[in-house]
Every structure is written in C-alpha cells, then in structure tokens.
C-alpha cells in the first residue's frame, strides 16, 4: 500500500520532514506494517505477511507520528491511485484490479483531516476534549501550525479492504 501524505490539503513535498512514522494496525491493534517516510510521496507500507482477505473484510487503523516543529494546520493520508494498493490473487499469485463497490473504477480515498490546535479546547463538546485521539507524547498540546515533539495521531481509514470488489480485492 502506498499512502500520499497531505498537509493542509495538498501533497507534502517531503513527507519525512512532516511525519516520522506511519503504522497500520488491525481492529485488535496488532501492528501489520510500518514505514519511516523519506523524501517523496507516496510512502510505501509493506504488509509482511500480506493481508489475506479470503475470510472477509479487514479494517485498518493508520497511526501517524508527526515530526517536531511541523508547520501545518492539518494532516491527512490519501490512497491516490489504483496502483497504490497491490492486490494479489491468493491462488494464482497474479495482480487483480482494485475497484470501488459494484466494480466501479477506483476513486481516490482520503482519511479524515486531523487539525492541529494551539491548545486543548472543548469544541464541540467540552466534556470530550481531546477525544479526537490526537495527543502528544510529551504531554503538551500541539501549537498552531506547528506540532509539538512526537505528536501522534490516529484515525480509522475511511474504507475497508474487502474481497471481490470494494476498496481492494486481496493482498495488502
């Protein structure tokens, strides 16, 4: 799987300057793949072993560790093209096309944008402040347009990998 890192809605020029680690986890929280971004988009996540979709859909959670001093208002991930997901037939070992639901052509998928704020706030619910799962390992809140050291954000992917024509076919 190859993910394009988005900063403020546009592809990051140098993903490694914005993010220090991307991890893919299953519904149980088990680590399936991780990547340390370098200088170009997209960032490759290699699933070893590959995800087997013969038993049904697999939902992925992607954890992103932001670089210290990141200058951005928000961060997101994108599956930009059909070739960004390598799907292999379990029996033949050949590549299979990645299609949208109902066999429609692939459409780019974006994760939710995680907004970086100057301080903790209660919008929209003051009793759930910080419930967006974006927190800092150093204990301080991210600053506006600049992330604190080792901020870590998690967001469930907007799609689910499904066999036989959904976000993906088989593989990872």
N, C-alpha and C. Protein backbone atom coordinates (compact mmCIF):
# COMPACT_ATOMS: atom_id res chain seq x y z
N UNK A 1 0.86 -1.15 0.00
CA UNK A 1 0.00 0.00 0.00
C UNK A 1 0.91 1.22 0.00
N UNK A 2 0.55 2.21 -0.80
CA UNK A 2 1.32 3.46 -0.86
C UNK A 2 0.39 4.61 -0.48
N UNK A 3 0.77 5.39 0.52
CA UNK A 3 -0.05 6.47 1.03
C UNK A 3 0.60 7.82 0.71
N UNK A 4 -0.20 8.75 0.23
CA UNK A 4 0.27 10.11 0.00
C UNK A 4 -0.05 10.92 1.24
N UNK A 5 0.96 11.55 1.82
CA UNK A 5 0.79 12.40 2.99
C UNK A 5 0.31 13.77 2.54
N UNK A 6 -0.79 14.23 3.12
CA UNK A 6 -1.34 15.55 2.80
C UNK A 6 -1.13 16.50 3.96
N UNK A 7 -0.65 17.69 3.66
CA UNK A 7 -0.53 18.76 4.65
C UNK A 7 -1.38 19.92 4.16
N UNK A 8 -2.31 20.38 4.98
CA UNK A 8 -3.20 21.47 4.60
C UNK A 8 -3.89 21.19 3.26
N UNK A 9 -4.25 19.92 3.01
CA UNK A 9 -4.99 19.54 1.83
C UNK A 9 -4.18 19.27 0.58
N UNK A 10 -2.86 19.47 0.61
CA UNK A 10 -2.01 19.24 -0.57
C UNK A 10 -0.94 18.20 -0.24
N UNK A 11 -0.46 17.52 -1.27
CA UNK A 11 0.59 16.51 -1.08
C UNK A 11 1.84 17.17 -0.49
N UNK A 12 2.39 16.56 0.56
CA UNK A 12 3.60 17.08 1.19
C UNK A 12 4.78 16.96 0.24
N UNK A 13 5.57 18.01 0.14
CA UNK A 13 6.74 17.99 -0.74
C UNK A 13 7.76 16.97 -0.24
N UNK A 14 7.98 16.93 1.08
CA UNK A 14 8.92 15.99 1.69
C UNK A 14 8.21 15.35 2.89
N UNK A 15 7.57 14.19 2.70
CA UNK A 15 6.82 13.55 3.78
C UNK A 15 7.66 13.29 5.04
N UNK A 16 8.93 12.95 4.87
CA UNK A 16 9.79 12.66 6.01
C UNK A 16 10.06 13.86 6.90
N UNK A 17 9.86 15.07 6.39
CA UNK A 17 10.03 16.27 7.20
C UNK A 17 8.80 16.53 8.05
N UNK A 18 7.66 15.92 7.70
CA UNK A 18 6.41 16.14 8.42
C UNK A 18 6.02 14.99 9.34
N UNK A 19 6.39 13.78 8.95
CA UNK A 19 5.97 12.58 9.68
C UNK A 19 7.18 11.68 9.89
N UNK A 20 7.34 11.17 11.11
CA UNK A 20 8.48 10.29 11.39
C UNK A 20 8.13 8.81 11.32
N UNK A 21 6.82 8.46 11.40
CA UNK A 21 6.43 7.06 11.37
C UNK A 21 4.97 6.94 10.98
N UNK A 22 4.66 5.96 10.13
CA UNK A 22 3.28 5.59 9.81
C UNK A 22 3.15 4.10 10.11
N UNK A 23 2.11 3.74 10.89
CA UNK A 23 1.87 2.35 11.25
C UNK A 23 0.46 1.96 10.85
N UNK A 24 0.29 0.74 10.34
CA UNK A 24 -1.02 0.19 10.03
C UNK A 24 -1.32 -0.90 11.06
N UNK A 25 -2.51 -0.83 11.65
CA UNK A 25 -2.92 -1.80 12.67
C UNK A 25 -4.29 -2.37 12.31
N UNK A 26 -4.53 -3.61 12.77
CA UNK A 26 -5.84 -4.21 12.54
C UNK A 26 -6.80 -3.80 13.66
N UNK A 27 -8.01 -4.33 13.64
CA UNK A 27 -9.04 -3.96 14.62
C UNK A 27 -8.63 -4.31 16.05
N UNK A 28 -7.76 -5.29 16.23
CA UNK A 28 -7.28 -5.68 17.56
C UNK A 28 -6.09 -4.85 18.01
N UNK A 29 -5.58 -3.97 17.14
CA UNK A 29 -4.43 -3.15 17.48
C UNK A 29 -3.10 -3.78 17.13
N UNK A 30 -3.11 -4.93 16.50
CA UNK A 30 -1.87 -5.60 16.11
C UNK A 30 -1.20 -4.84 14.96
N UNK A 31 0.11 -4.68 15.06
CA UNK A 31 0.87 -3.99 14.03
C UNK A 31 0.97 -4.87 12.79
N UNK A 32 0.55 -4.34 11.64
CA UNK A 32 0.59 -5.07 10.38
C UNK A 32 1.70 -4.58 9.46
N UNK A 33 1.99 -3.28 9.53
CA UNK A 33 3.02 -2.69 8.67
C UNK A 33 3.43 -1.35 9.26
N UNK A 34 4.65 -0.93 8.95
CA UNK A 34 5.10 0.40 9.36
C UNK A 34 6.11 0.93 8.36
N UNK A 35 6.19 2.25 8.29
CA UNK A 35 7.12 2.89 7.36
C UNK A 35 7.65 4.17 7.99
N UNK A 36 8.91 4.44 7.72
CA UNK A 36 9.54 5.71 8.08
C UNK A 36 9.61 6.51 6.79
N UNK A 37 8.77 7.54 6.65
CA UNK A 37 8.74 8.29 5.40
C UNK A 37 10.08 8.94 5.08
N UNK A 38 10.36 9.05 3.80
CA UNK A 38 11.60 9.69 3.34
C UNK A 38 11.23 10.97 2.59
N UNK A 39 11.88 11.18 1.44
CA UNK A 39 11.74 12.44 0.75
C UNK A 39 10.69 12.53 -0.33
N UNK A 40 9.96 11.46 -0.62
CA UNK A 40 8.99 11.53 -1.71
C UNK A 40 7.66 10.90 -1.31
N UNK A 41 6.58 11.39 -1.91
CA UNK A 41 5.26 10.78 -1.81
C UNK A 41 5.10 9.87 -3.00
N UNK A 42 4.37 8.79 -2.92
CA UNK A 42 3.71 8.24 -1.74
C UNK A 42 4.68 7.44 -0.87
N UNK A 43 4.26 7.20 0.36
CA UNK A 43 5.03 6.43 1.34
C UNK A 43 4.55 4.98 1.28
N UNK A 44 5.47 4.05 1.05
CA UNK A 44 5.12 2.63 0.91
C UNK A 44 5.01 1.96 2.27
N UNK A 45 3.90 1.24 2.47
CA UNK A 45 3.70 0.38 3.64
C UNK A 45 3.68 -1.06 3.13
N UNK A 46 4.63 -1.86 3.59
CA UNK A 46 4.71 -3.26 3.14
C UNK A 46 4.13 -4.16 4.23
N UNK A 47 3.12 -4.92 3.86
CA UNK A 47 2.47 -5.83 4.79
C UNK A 47 3.13 -7.19 4.69
N UNK A 48 3.83 -7.59 5.75
CA UNK A 48 4.51 -8.87 5.78
C UNK A 48 4.05 -9.62 7.02
N UNK A 49 3.28 -10.66 6.87
CA UNK A 49 2.78 -11.24 5.62
C UNK A 49 1.66 -10.37 5.04
N UNK A 50 1.33 -10.60 3.76
CA UNK A 50 0.23 -9.85 3.15
C UNK A 50 -1.08 -10.10 3.88
N UNK A 51 -2.00 -9.15 3.77
CA UNK A 51 -3.32 -9.32 4.38
C UNK A 51 -4.13 -10.29 3.52
N UNK A 52 -4.67 -11.33 4.15
CA UNK A 52 -5.47 -12.32 3.45
C UNK A 52 -6.94 -11.93 3.59
N UNK A 53 -7.57 -11.59 2.49
CA UNK A 53 -8.96 -11.16 2.51
C UNK A 53 -9.94 -12.26 2.12
N UNK A 54 -9.46 -13.50 2.03
CA UNK A 54 -10.36 -14.58 1.65
C UNK A 54 -11.43 -14.84 2.70
N UNK A 55 -11.18 -14.46 3.95
CA UNK A 55 -12.15 -14.67 5.02
C UNK A 55 -13.07 -13.47 5.22
N UNK A 56 -12.86 -12.38 4.49
CA UNK A 56 -13.74 -11.21 4.64
C UNK A 56 -12.96 -9.92 4.76
N UNK A 57 -13.70 -8.87 5.07
CA UNK A 57 -13.15 -7.52 5.12
C UNK A 57 -12.19 -7.34 6.28
N UNK A 58 -11.24 -6.42 6.10
CA UNK A 58 -10.28 -6.06 7.14
C UNK A 58 -10.27 -4.54 7.26
N UNK A 59 -10.51 -4.04 8.45
CA UNK A 59 -10.46 -2.60 8.70
C UNK A 59 -9.08 -2.26 9.24
N UNK A 60 -8.48 -1.22 8.67
CA UNK A 60 -7.15 -0.77 9.10
C UNK A 60 -7.25 0.54 9.85
N UNK A 61 -6.42 0.69 10.88
CA UNK A 61 -6.22 1.96 11.56
C UNK A 61 -4.81 2.39 11.25
N UNK A 62 -4.65 3.63 10.83
CA UNK A 62 -3.33 4.15 10.50
C UNK A 62 -2.91 5.15 11.56
N UNK A 63 -1.78 4.89 12.21
CA UNK A 63 -1.22 5.79 13.22
C UNK A 63 -0.08 6.57 12.58
N UNK A 64 -0.09 7.88 12.81
CA UNK A 64 0.91 8.76 12.22
C UNK A 64 1.60 9.51 13.35
N UNK A 65 2.93 9.47 13.38
CA UNK A 65 3.70 10.24 14.36
C UNK A 65 4.25 11.47 13.65
N UNK A 66 3.83 12.65 14.12
CA UNK A 66 4.23 13.90 13.48
C UNK A 66 5.64 14.30 13.91
N UNK A 67 6.37 14.91 12.99
CA UNK A 67 7.72 15.40 13.27
C UNK A 67 7.65 16.65 14.14
N UNK A 68 8.64 16.84 14.98
CA UNK A 68 8.72 18.04 15.81
C UNK A 68 8.81 19.27 14.91
N UNK A 69 8.10 20.32 15.27
CA UNK A 69 8.16 21.57 14.52
C UNK A 69 7.40 21.57 13.22
N UNK A 70 6.51 20.60 13.01
CA UNK A 70 5.73 20.53 11.78
C UNK A 70 4.94 21.82 11.59
N UNK A 71 5.05 22.43 10.45
CA UNK A 71 4.32 23.65 10.11
C UNK A 71 3.13 23.28 9.24
N UNK A 72 1.99 23.00 9.86
CA UNK A 72 0.79 22.62 9.13
C UNK A 72 -0.43 22.85 9.99
N UNK A 73 -1.55 23.12 9.35
CA UNK A 73 -2.81 23.26 10.06
C UNK A 73 -3.54 21.95 10.21
N UNK A 74 -3.36 21.03 9.22
CA UNK A 74 -3.97 19.72 9.32
C UNK A 74 -3.16 18.71 8.52
N UNK A 75 -3.38 17.44 8.87
CA UNK A 75 -2.65 16.32 8.27
C UNK A 75 -3.67 15.26 7.86
N UNK A 76 -3.46 14.63 6.71
CA UNK A 76 -4.32 13.54 6.25
C UNK A 76 -3.51 12.59 5.39
N UNK A 77 -4.10 11.43 5.08
CA UNK A 77 -3.48 10.44 4.20
C UNK A 77 -4.41 10.17 3.03
N UNK A 78 -3.82 9.81 1.87
CA UNK A 78 -4.63 9.55 0.68
C UNK A 78 -4.13 8.29 -0.03
N UNK A 79 -5.08 7.44 -0.42
CA UNK A 79 -4.83 6.39 -1.41
C UNK A 79 -5.20 7.05 -2.73
N UNK A 80 -4.20 7.45 -3.49
CA UNK A 80 -4.44 8.33 -4.63
C UNK A 80 -4.80 7.59 -5.93
N UNK A 81 -4.25 6.41 -6.12
CA UNK A 81 -4.44 5.72 -7.40
C UNK A 81 -4.62 4.22 -7.18
N UNK A 82 -5.21 3.56 -8.17
CA UNK A 82 -5.43 2.12 -8.09
C UNK A 82 -4.13 1.37 -7.80
N UNK A 83 -3.03 1.82 -8.39
CA UNK A 83 -1.74 1.18 -8.19
C UNK A 83 -1.15 1.35 -6.81
N UNK A 84 -1.78 2.18 -5.97
CA UNK A 84 -1.29 2.38 -4.60
C UNK A 84 -1.65 1.22 -3.68
N UNK A 85 -2.53 0.33 -4.15
CA UNK A 85 -2.85 -0.90 -3.42
C UNK A 85 -2.48 -2.06 -4.32
N UNK A 86 -1.56 -2.90 -3.84
CA UNK A 86 -1.18 -4.08 -4.60
C UNK A 86 -2.02 -5.23 -4.08
N UNK A 87 -2.87 -5.75 -4.94
CA UNK A 87 -3.75 -6.85 -4.56
C UNK A 87 -3.40 -8.06 -5.42
N UNK A 88 -3.14 -9.19 -4.74
CA UNK A 88 -2.77 -10.43 -5.45
C UNK A 88 -3.79 -11.51 -5.19
N UNK A 89 -4.08 -12.28 -6.22
CA UNK A 89 -4.95 -13.43 -6.08
C UNK A 89 -4.22 -14.46 -5.23
N UNK A 90 -4.90 -15.00 -4.21
CA UNK A 90 -4.28 -15.96 -3.29
C UNK A 90 -3.84 -17.26 -3.96
N UNK A 91 -4.56 -17.67 -5.01
CA UNK A 91 -4.27 -18.94 -5.67
C UNK A 91 -3.26 -18.75 -6.79
N UNK A 92 -3.55 -17.87 -7.71
CA UNK A 92 -2.69 -17.70 -8.89
C UNK A 92 -1.48 -16.81 -8.62
N UNK A 93 -1.56 -15.94 -7.61
CA UNK A 93 -0.45 -15.04 -7.31
C UNK A 93 -0.35 -13.87 -8.27
N UNK A 94 -1.35 -13.69 -9.10
CA UNK A 94 -1.34 -12.60 -10.07
C UNK A 94 -2.06 -11.38 -9.52
N UNK A 95 -1.69 -10.23 -10.05
CA UNK A 95 -2.32 -8.98 -9.62
C UNK A 95 -3.78 -8.94 -10.07
N UNK A 96 -4.63 -8.43 -9.19
CA UNK A 96 -6.04 -8.25 -9.52
C UNK A 96 -6.36 -6.76 -9.42
N UNK A 97 -7.33 -6.30 -10.21
CA UNK A 97 -7.64 -4.87 -10.18
C UNK A 97 -8.31 -4.46 -8.87
N UNK A 98 -8.06 -3.25 -8.45
CA UNK A 98 -8.69 -2.69 -7.26
C UNK A 98 -9.83 -1.81 -7.76
N UNK A 99 -11.03 -2.09 -7.31
CA UNK A 99 -12.21 -1.40 -7.80
C UNK A 99 -13.04 -0.86 -6.64
N UNK A 100 -13.90 0.07 -6.95
CA UNK A 100 -14.86 0.58 -5.97
C UNK A 100 -16.01 -0.41 -5.85
N UNK A 101 -16.87 -0.20 -4.91
CA UNK A 101 -18.03 -1.07 -4.70
C UNK A 101 -18.81 -1.21 -6.00
N UNK A 102 -19.23 -2.42 -6.30
CA UNK A 102 -20.00 -2.69 -7.51
C UNK A 102 -19.15 -2.79 -8.75
N UNK A 103 -17.83 -2.84 -8.60
CA UNK A 103 -16.94 -2.95 -9.74
C UNK A 103 -16.67 -1.64 -10.46
N UNK A 104 -17.07 -0.53 -9.88
CA UNK A 104 -16.82 0.78 -10.49
C UNK A 104 -15.32 1.10 -10.45
N UNK A 105 -14.85 2.02 -11.28
CA UNK A 105 -13.44 2.38 -11.29
C UNK A 105 -12.98 2.90 -9.93
N UNK A 106 -11.70 2.71 -9.66
CA UNK A 106 -11.10 3.17 -8.40
C UNK A 106 -11.29 4.68 -8.25
N UNK A 107 -11.59 5.11 -7.03
CA UNK A 107 -11.66 6.53 -6.68
C UNK A 107 -10.69 6.78 -5.54
N UNK A 108 -9.98 7.90 -5.59
CA UNK A 108 -9.05 8.23 -4.51
C UNK A 108 -9.79 8.29 -3.18
N UNK A 109 -9.13 7.80 -2.12
CA UNK A 109 -9.70 7.80 -0.78
C UNK A 109 -8.84 8.65 0.13
N UNK A 110 -9.45 9.58 0.85
CA UNK A 110 -8.73 10.41 1.81
C UNK A 110 -9.18 10.05 3.22
N UNK A 111 -8.22 10.04 4.15
CA UNK A 111 -8.57 9.87 5.55
C UNK A 111 -9.18 11.18 6.04
N UNK A 112 -9.70 11.18 7.22
CA UNK A 112 -10.15 12.43 7.83
C UNK A 112 -8.93 13.30 8.09
N UNK A 113 -9.12 14.60 7.99
CA UNK A 113 -8.03 15.53 8.29
C UNK A 113 -7.96 15.71 9.80
N UNK A 114 -6.77 15.59 10.37
CA UNK A 114 -6.55 15.84 11.79
C UNK A 114 -6.03 17.26 11.91
N UNK A 115 -6.78 18.11 12.61
CA UNK A 115 -6.42 19.52 12.75
C UNK A 115 -5.55 19.70 13.98
N UNK A 116 -4.49 20.49 13.83
CA UNK A 116 -3.59 20.80 14.93
C UNK A 116 -4.01 22.12 15.55
N UNK A 117 -4.14 22.16 16.88
CA UNK A 117 -4.59 23.35 17.58
C UNK A 117 -3.52 23.88 18.53
N UNK A 118 -3.66 25.16 18.90
CA UNK A 118 -2.72 25.82 19.80
C UNK A 118 -2.84 25.27 21.22
N UNK A 119 -4.05 24.92 21.63
CA UNK A 119 -4.26 24.43 22.99
C UNK A 119 -5.50 23.55 22.98
N UNK A 120 -5.64 22.78 24.04
CA UNK A 120 -6.83 21.93 24.15
C UNK A 120 -8.06 22.81 24.20
N UNK A 121 -9.13 22.36 23.60
CA UNK A 121 -10.36 23.14 23.57
C UNK A 121 -11.54 22.19 23.70
N UNK A 122 -12.71 22.74 23.98
CA UNK A 122 -13.88 21.92 24.21
C UNK A 122 -14.83 21.83 23.04
N UNK A 123 -14.46 22.32 21.89
CA UNK A 123 -15.38 22.28 20.76
C UNK A 123 -15.39 20.91 20.14
N UNK A 124 -16.48 20.30 19.81
CA UNK A 124 -17.83 20.79 20.02
C UNK A 124 -18.38 20.38 21.38
N UNK A 125 -17.73 19.48 22.10
CA UNK A 125 -18.26 19.00 23.38
C UNK A 125 -17.19 19.18 24.45
N UNK A 126 -17.38 20.11 25.39
CA UNK A 126 -16.36 20.36 26.42
C UNK A 126 -16.09 19.17 27.32
N UNK A 127 -16.99 18.19 27.36
CA UNK A 127 -16.80 17.02 28.21
C UNK A 127 -16.01 15.92 27.51
N UNK A 128 -15.69 16.13 26.22
CA UNK A 128 -14.91 15.14 25.48
C UNK A 128 -13.68 15.78 24.85
N UNK A 129 -13.16 16.81 25.46
CA UNK A 129 -11.97 17.49 24.92
C UNK A 129 -10.85 16.48 24.74
N UNK A 130 -10.23 16.50 23.59
CA UNK A 130 -9.13 15.58 23.31
C UNK A 130 -9.57 14.22 22.83
N UNK A 131 -10.88 14.00 22.66
CA UNK A 131 -11.37 12.69 22.26
C UNK A 131 -11.12 12.39 20.78
N UNK A 132 -10.46 13.30 20.07
CA UNK A 132 -10.18 13.05 18.66
C UNK A 132 -8.99 12.13 18.48
N UNK A 133 -8.46 11.56 19.56
CA UNK A 133 -7.37 10.60 19.55
C UNK A 133 -6.06 11.20 19.05
N UNK A 134 -5.93 12.50 19.09
CA UNK A 134 -4.68 13.15 18.72
C UNK A 134 -4.06 13.67 19.99
N UNK A 135 -2.92 13.14 20.38
CA UNK A 135 -2.31 13.57 21.62
C UNK A 135 -0.80 13.66 21.44
N UNK A 136 -0.16 14.23 22.42
CA UNK A 136 1.27 14.42 22.36
C UNK A 136 1.94 13.52 23.40
N UNK A 137 3.01 12.86 23.02
CA UNK A 137 3.73 12.02 23.97
C UNK A 137 4.43 12.86 25.03
N UNK A 138 4.69 14.12 24.74
CA UNK A 138 5.40 14.97 25.69
C UNK A 138 4.45 15.59 26.70
N UNK A 139 3.14 15.45 26.49
CA UNK A 139 2.17 15.97 27.43
C UNK A 139 1.71 17.38 27.13
N UNK A 140 2.28 18.04 26.15
CA UNK A 140 1.84 19.38 25.80
C UNK A 140 0.99 19.33 24.55
N UNK A 141 0.08 20.28 24.42
CA UNK A 141 -0.80 20.30 23.25
C UNK A 141 -0.06 20.83 22.03
N UNK A 142 -0.40 20.36 20.84
CA UNK A 142 0.22 20.89 19.63
C UNK A 142 -0.03 22.39 19.51
N UNK A 143 0.90 23.10 18.98
CA UNK A 143 0.77 24.54 18.81
C UNK A 143 0.19 24.83 17.44
N UNK A 144 -0.37 26.02 17.23
CA UNK A 144 -0.99 26.27 15.94
C UNK A 144 0.04 26.21 14.84
N UNK A 145 -0.27 25.44 13.80
CA UNK A 145 0.56 25.33 12.62
C UNK A 145 1.95 24.81 12.94
N UNK A 146 2.14 24.26 14.14
CA UNK A 146 3.42 23.66 14.50
C UNK A 146 3.15 22.57 15.52
N UNK A 147 3.55 21.34 15.22
CA UNK A 147 3.29 20.22 16.13
C UNK A 147 4.36 20.16 17.20
N UNK A 148 3.97 19.74 18.40
CA UNK A 148 4.95 19.53 19.45
C UNK A 148 5.74 18.27 19.14
N UNK A 149 6.81 18.06 19.86
CA UNK A 149 7.66 16.89 19.62
C UNK A 149 6.86 15.61 19.79
N UNK A 150 6.96 14.73 18.83
CA UNK A 150 6.34 13.40 18.86
C UNK A 150 4.84 13.41 19.04
N UNK A 151 4.12 14.29 18.37
CA UNK A 151 2.66 14.19 18.39
C UNK A 151 2.27 12.94 17.63
N UNK A 152 1.25 12.26 18.11
CA UNK A 152 0.81 11.02 17.48
C UNK A 152 -0.67 11.11 17.22
N UNK A 153 -1.08 10.87 16.00
CA UNK A 153 -2.48 10.96 15.63
C UNK A 153 -2.94 9.64 15.05
N UNK A 154 -4.16 9.26 15.36
CA UNK A 154 -4.74 8.04 14.83
C UNK A 154 -6.09 8.36 14.21
N UNK A 155 -6.37 7.72 13.12
CA UNK A 155 -7.69 7.87 12.51
C UNK A 155 -8.02 6.57 11.80
N UNK A 156 -9.25 6.11 11.96
CA UNK A 156 -9.66 4.93 11.23
C UNK A 156 -9.76 5.29 9.76
N UNK A 157 -9.32 4.39 8.91
CA UNK A 157 -9.35 4.65 7.48
C UNK A 157 -10.78 4.77 7.03
N UNK A 158 -11.02 5.59 6.01
CA UNK A 158 -12.37 5.83 5.52
C UNK A 158 -12.94 4.66 4.74
N UNK A 159 -12.16 3.64 4.50
CA UNK A 159 -12.64 2.49 3.75
C UNK A 159 -12.22 1.20 4.42
N UNK A 160 -12.76 0.13 3.95
CA UNK A 160 -12.41 -1.19 4.46
C UNK A 160 -11.97 -2.02 3.27
N UNK A 161 -10.88 -2.77 3.44
CA UNK A 161 -10.43 -3.67 2.39
C UNK A 161 -11.35 -4.88 2.38
N UNK A 162 -11.98 -5.13 1.23
CA UNK A 162 -12.92 -6.24 1.14
C UNK A 162 -12.59 -7.10 -0.08
N UNK A 163 -12.84 -8.38 0.02
CA UNK A 163 -12.58 -9.24 -1.14
C UNK A 163 -13.68 -9.07 -2.19
N UNK A 164 -13.32 -9.21 -3.45
CA UNK A 164 -14.28 -9.25 -4.53
C UNK A 164 -14.86 -7.90 -4.92
N UNK A 165 -14.16 -6.82 -4.69
CA UNK A 165 -14.62 -5.53 -5.21
C UNK A 165 -15.15 -4.61 -4.14
N UNK A 166 -14.33 -3.89 -3.53
CA UNK A 166 -14.65 -2.85 -2.58
C UNK A 166 -13.49 -1.92 -2.68
N UNK A 167 -12.90 -1.55 -1.58
CA UNK A 167 -11.71 -0.72 -1.64
C UNK A 167 -10.58 -1.53 -2.23
N UNK A 168 -10.52 -2.82 -1.96
CA UNK A 168 -9.45 -3.65 -2.51
C UNK A 168 -9.95 -5.06 -2.74
N UNK A 169 -9.13 -5.86 -3.36
CA UNK A 169 -9.50 -7.24 -3.62
C UNK A 169 -8.84 -8.14 -2.57
N UNK A 170 -7.63 -8.62 -2.87
CA UNK A 170 -6.88 -9.45 -1.93
C UNK A 170 -5.47 -8.90 -1.85
N UNK A 171 -4.84 -9.11 -0.70
CA UNK A 171 -3.46 -8.66 -0.55
C UNK A 171 -3.40 -7.43 0.31
N UNK A 172 -2.27 -6.69 0.21
CA UNK A 172 -2.15 -5.53 1.06
C UNK A 172 -1.22 -4.53 0.53
